[in-house]
Amino acid sequence: MEGNLDQHRDELRFFSALVRPGLSEQRALYREDVQALIENYQQDSRKYRRTHNSLQNLVMVGSAFTTTIAALDAKEPTWQNIAVLAISFAITVASMINGYYKFRERSYFLQ
C-alpha cells in the first residue's frame, strides 16, 4: 500500500512538472510531504531530550551525593551535623533542578 502511495506521489510530481498547479495545490502537496518529516524529527527530538535529561539528572544528583558523602567523614556525627547535611543536600538538589530546567523562564515565555 505504501509502495502504491509512493508511486502515485511520483506520478503526481511528474504531472505537476508538466502542468503548473496553483498555489493552494502546491501548499497542500508541501504539507503532505513535510508532515512525515516533521513527525520523524519530533520522535528523534523526544528520544534525544529524554537521554539528555536522564544523563543531566545523573550528573546533578551524583555530584550532590558526592559532596554529601564527603562531608559525612566526621568521626562523631551529631544531630546538628546531620541536619546541616540534609538541609544543604536538599538546597543543592533544588538549586540544580531549578538551574537546569529554568522554570521561571518557561513560565515567563508561556505567559
Protein backbone atom coordinates (compact mmCIF):
# COMPACT_ATOMS: atom_id res chain seq x y z
CA MET A 1 0.00 0.00 0.00
CA GLU A 2 2.86 2.37 0.85
CA GLY A 3 4.55 1.45 -2.44
CA ASN A 4 1.41 2.40 -4.31
CA LEU A 5 1.23 5.66 -2.41
CA ASP A 6 4.84 6.48 -3.27
CA GLN A 7 4.20 5.57 -6.91
CA HIS A 8 1.14 7.83 -7.02
CA ARG A 9 3.10 10.66 -5.42
CA ASP A 10 5.82 10.28 -8.03
CA GLU A 11 3.22 10.32 -10.81
CA LEU A 12 1.66 13.40 -9.27
CA ARG A 13 5.04 15.13 -9.14
CA PHE A 14 5.68 14.27 -12.78
CA PHE A 15 2.26 15.57 -13.73
CA SER A 16 2.83 18.69 -11.65
CA ALA A 17 6.05 19.33 -13.55
CA LEU A 18 4.08 19.29 -16.79
CA VAL A 19 1.15 21.32 -15.54
CA ARG A 20 1.89 24.09 -13.09
CA PRO A 21 -0.51 23.64 -10.13
CA GLY A 22 -1.95 26.60 -8.33
CA LEU A 23 -0.58 27.97 -5.11
CA SER A 24 -3.16 26.23 -2.94
CA GLU A 25 -2.35 22.84 -4.54
CA GLN A 26 1.37 23.44 -4.06
CA ARG A 27 0.80 24.21 -0.38
CA ALA A 28 -1.33 21.11 0.07
CA LEU A 29 1.33 18.90 -1.54
CA TYR A 30 4.02 20.52 0.57
CA ARG A 31 2.06 19.95 3.79
CA GLU A 32 1.53 16.28 2.94
CA ASP A 33 5.20 15.72 2.14
CA VAL A 34 6.53 17.58 5.14
CA GLN A 35 4.22 16.02 7.74
CA ALA A 36 6.10 12.71 7.77
CA LEU A 37 9.43 14.50 8.13
CA ILE A 38 8.12 16.61 10.99
CA GLU A 39 6.86 13.54 12.85
CA ASN A 40 10.22 11.82 12.39
CA TYR A 41 12.11 14.85 13.69
CA GLN A 42 9.77 15.16 16.68
CA GLN A 43 10.27 11.50 17.55
CA ASP A 44 14.07 11.83 17.34
CA SER A 45 13.91 15.03 19.38
CA ARG A 46 11.95 13.33 22.18
CA LYS A 47 14.48 10.48 22.26
CA TYR A 48 17.49 12.81 22.48
CA ARG A 49 15.79 15.08 25.03
CA ARG A 50 14.95 12.08 27.24
CA THR A 51 18.54 10.81 27.04
CA HIS A 52 19.99 14.24 27.76
CA ASN A 53 17.69 14.87 30.72
CA SER A 54 18.47 11.44 32.19
CA LEU A 55 22.21 11.96 31.96
CA GLN A 56 21.96 15.52 33.30
CA ASN A 57 19.91 14.33 36.28
CA LEU A 58 22.51 11.64 36.96
CA VAL A 59 25.28 14.25 36.95
CA MET A 60 23.36 16.63 39.21
CA VAL A 61 22.28 14.07 41.80
CA GLY A 62 25.63 12.29 41.68
CA SER A 63 27.54 15.48 42.39
CA ALA A 64 25.23 16.34 45.28
CA PHE A 65 25.64 12.84 46.76
CA THR A 66 29.40 13.00 46.34
CA THR A 67 29.73 16.24 48.30
CA THR A 68 27.30 14.99 50.95
CA ILE A 69 29.15 11.70 51.42
CA ALA A 70 32.45 13.56 51.60
CA ALA A 71 31.01 15.79 54.33
CA LEU A 72 29.91 12.72 56.32
CA ASP A 73 33.55 11.97 57.10
CA ALA A 74 33.14 13.29 60.67
CA LYS A 75 34.19 10.87 63.39
CA GLU A 76 31.16 11.51 65.59
CA PRO A 77 28.13 12.62 63.63
CA THR A 78 25.82 14.70 65.80
CA TRP A 79 22.25 15.59 65.02
CA GLN A 80 23.38 19.12 64.14
CA ASN A 81 25.85 17.82 61.54
CA ILE A 82 23.23 15.51 60.06
CA ALA A 83 20.64 18.32 59.95
CA VAL A 84 23.08 20.66 58.22
CA LEU A 85 23.98 17.94 55.72
CA ALA A 86 20.35 17.14 54.95
CA ILE A 87 19.39 20.78 54.52
CA SER A 88 22.41 21.56 52.36
CA PHE A 89 21.77 18.47 50.22
CA ALA A 90 18.14 19.47 49.69
CA ILE A 91 19.12 23.03 48.78
CA THR A 92 21.80 21.77 46.39
CA VAL A 93 19.40 19.46 44.59
CA ALA A 94 16.70 22.15 44.41
CA SER A 95 19.09 24.75 43.00
CA MET A 96 20.46 22.27 40.43
CA ILE A 97 16.99 21.33 39.23
CA ASN A 98 15.89 24.96 39.14
CA GLY A 99 19.05 26.00 37.30
CA TYR A 100 18.79 23.25 34.71
CA TYR A 101 15.07 23.22 33.97
CA LYS A 102 14.64 27.03 34.30
CA PHE A 103 11.04 27.01 35.46
CA ARG A 104 10.92 30.81 35.77
CA GLU A 105 11.92 31.33 32.13
CA ARG A 106 9.44 28.72 30.95
CA SER A 107 6.69 30.43 32.93
CA TYR A 108 7.64 33.82 31.51
CA PHE A 109 7.67 32.63 27.91
CA LEU A 110 4.42 30.72 28.31
CA GLN A 111 2.78 33.79 29.74
